[in-house]
PDB file of N, CA and C in Angstrom:
ATOM      1  N   MET A   1      -0.186   3.264  -7.196  1.00  0.00           N
ATOM      2  CA  MET A   1      -1.126   2.389  -6.623  1.00  0.00           C
ATOM      3  C   MET A   1      -0.184   0.934  -6.860  1.00  0.00           C
ATOM      4  N   ASN A   2       0.463   1.267  -7.514  1.00  0.00           N
ATOM      5  CA  ASN A   2       1.420   0.020  -7.640  1.00  0.00           C
ATOM      6  C   ASN A   2       2.319  -0.742  -6.393  1.00  0.00           C
ATOM      7  N   ALA A   3       2.372  -0.358  -5.587  1.00  0.00           N
ATOM      8  CA  ALA A   3       2.288  -0.788  -4.376  1.00  0.00           C
ATOM      9  C   ALA A   3       1.453  -2.433  -4.230  1.00  0.00           C
ATOM     10  N   ARG A   4       0.034  -1.968  -4.145  1.00  0.00           N
ATOM     11  CA  ARG A   4      -0.463  -3.700  -4.186  1.00  0.00           C
ATOM     12  C   ARG A   4       0.186  -4.223  -4.836  1.00  0.00           C
ATOM     13  N   ALA A   5       0.841  -4.045  -5.877  1.00  0.00           N
ATOM     14  CA  ALA A   5       1.100  -5.156  -6.935  1.00  0.00           C
ATOM     15  C   ALA A   5       2.308  -5.656  -6.182  1.00  0.00           C
ATOM     16  N   LEU A   6       3.521  -4.877  -5.870  1.00  0.00           N
ATOM     17  CA  LEU A   6       4.379  -5.226  -5.243  1.00  0.00           C
ATOM     18  C   LEU A   6       4.657  -5.760  -4.175  1.00  0.00           C
ATOM     19  N   MET A   7       3.601  -6.121  -3.130  1.00  0.00           N
ATOM     20  CA  MET A   7       3.743  -6.755  -2.204  1.00  0.00           C
ATOM     21  C   MET A   7       2.279  -7.009  -1.421  1.00  0.00           C
ATOM     22  N   PRO A   8       1.494  -8.043  -1.617  1.00  0.00           N
ATOM     23  CA  PRO A   8       0.281  -8.336  -0.744  1.00  0.00           C
ATOM     24  C   PRO A   8      -0.096  -8.337   0.493  1.00  0.00           C
ATOM     25  N   ASP A   9       1.456  -8.110   1.320  1.00  0.00           N
ATOM     26  CA  ASP A   9       1.444  -7.390   2.858  1.00  0.00           C
ATOM     27  C   ASP A   9       0.870  -6.100   2.435  1.00  0.00           C
ATOM     28  N   ASP A  10       1.222  -5.328   1.512  1.00  0.00           N
ATOM     29  CA  ASP A  10       0.612  -3.783   1.572  1.00  0.00           C
ATOM     30  C   ASP A  10      -0.775  -3.693   1.725  1.00  0.00           C
ATOM     31  N   LEU A  11      -1.023  -4.572   0.814  1.00  0.00           N
ATOM     32  CA  LEU A  11      -2.370  -4.900   0.913  1.00  0.00           C
ATOM     33  C   LEU A  11      -3.287  -3.946   2.099  1.00  0.00           C
ATOM     34  N   VAL A  12      -3.017  -5.006   2.906  1.00  0.00           N
ATOM     35  CA  VAL A  12      -3.414  -4.552   4.507  1.00  0.00           C
ATOM     36  C   VAL A  12      -3.049  -2.926   4.420  1.00  0.00           C
ATOM     37  N   ILE A  13      -1.790  -2.639   4.565  1.00  0.00           N
ATOM     38  CA  ILE A  13      -1.460  -1.155   4.733  1.00  0.00           C
ATOM     39  C   ILE A  13      -1.982  -0.105   4.008  1.00  0.00           C
ATOM     40  N   VAL A  14      -2.190  -0.796   3.127  1.00  0.00           N
ATOM     41  CA  VAL A  14      -2.941   0.442   1.822  1.00  0.00           C
ATOM     42  C   VAL A  14      -4.174   0.798   2.364  1.00  0.00           C
ATOM     43  N   GLU A  15      -5.079  -0.881   2.610  1.00  0.00           N
ATOM     44  CA  GLU A  15      -6.377  -0.038   2.972  1.00  0.00           C
ATOM     45  C   GLU A  15      -6.414   1.243   4.812  1.00  0.00           C
ATOM     46  N   SER A  16      -5.451   0.342   5.242  1.00  0.00           N
ATOM     47  CA  SER A  16      -5.524   1.153   6.766  1.00  0.00           C
ATOM     48  C   SER A  16      -4.739   2.407   7.142  1.00  0.00           C
ATOM     49  N   ALA A  17      -4.402   2.329   5.569  1.00  0.00           N
ATOM     50  CA  ALA A  17      -3.788   3.960   5.367  1.00  0.00           C
ATOM     51  C   ALA A  17      -3.167   4.291   4.071  1.00  0.00           C
ATOM     52  N   PRO A  18      -4.002   4.585   3.113  1.00  0.00           N
ATOM     53  CA  PRO A  18      -4.015   4.493   1.655  1.00  0.00           C
ATOM     54  C   PRO A  18      -2.829   5.859   1.679  1.00  0.00           C
ATOM     55  N   GLU A  19      -2.611   6.735   2.513  1.00  0.00           N
ATOM     56  CA  GLU A  19      -1.336   8.176   2.517  1.00  0.00           C
ATOM     57  C   GLU A  19      -0.275   7.652   2.547  1.00  0.00           C
ATOM     58  N   LYS A  20       0.062   5.906   3.080  1.00  0.00           N
ATOM     59  CA  LYS A  20       1.266   5.740   3.348  1.00  0.00           C
ATOM     60  C   LYS A  20       1.675   5.270   2.026  1.00  0.00           C
ATOM     61  N   ILE A  21       1.012   5.003   0.648  1.00  0.00           N
ATOM     62  CA  ILE A  21       1.073   4.925  -0.835  1.00  0.00           C
ATOM     63  C   ILE A  21       2.024   5.441  -1.486  1.00  0.00           C
ATOM     64  N   ASP A  22       1.927   6.865  -0.897  1.00  0.00           N
ATOM     65  CA  ASP A  22       2.896   8.185  -1.322  1.00  0.00           C
ATOM     66  C   ASP A  22       3.933   8.329  -0.638  1.00  0.00           C
ATOM     67  N   THR A  23       3.928   8.041   0.365  1.00  0.00           N
ATOM     68  CA  THR A  23       5.620   7.662   1.257  1.00  0.00           C
ATOM     69  C   THR A  23       6.727   6.899   0.941  1.00  0.00           C
ATOM     70  N   LEU A  24       5.609   5.543  -0.114  1.00  0.00           N
ATOM     71  CA  LEU A  24       6.693   4.634  -0.179  1.00  0.00           C
ATOM     72  C   LEU A  24       7.707   4.708  -1.409  1.00  0.00           C
TER      73      LEU A  24
END
């Protein structure tokens, strides 16, 4: 879940598709 801290823009993607976090 560190992706959220990496980029604020990812916040929208994470909420839209939390599964993408694993692919990052």
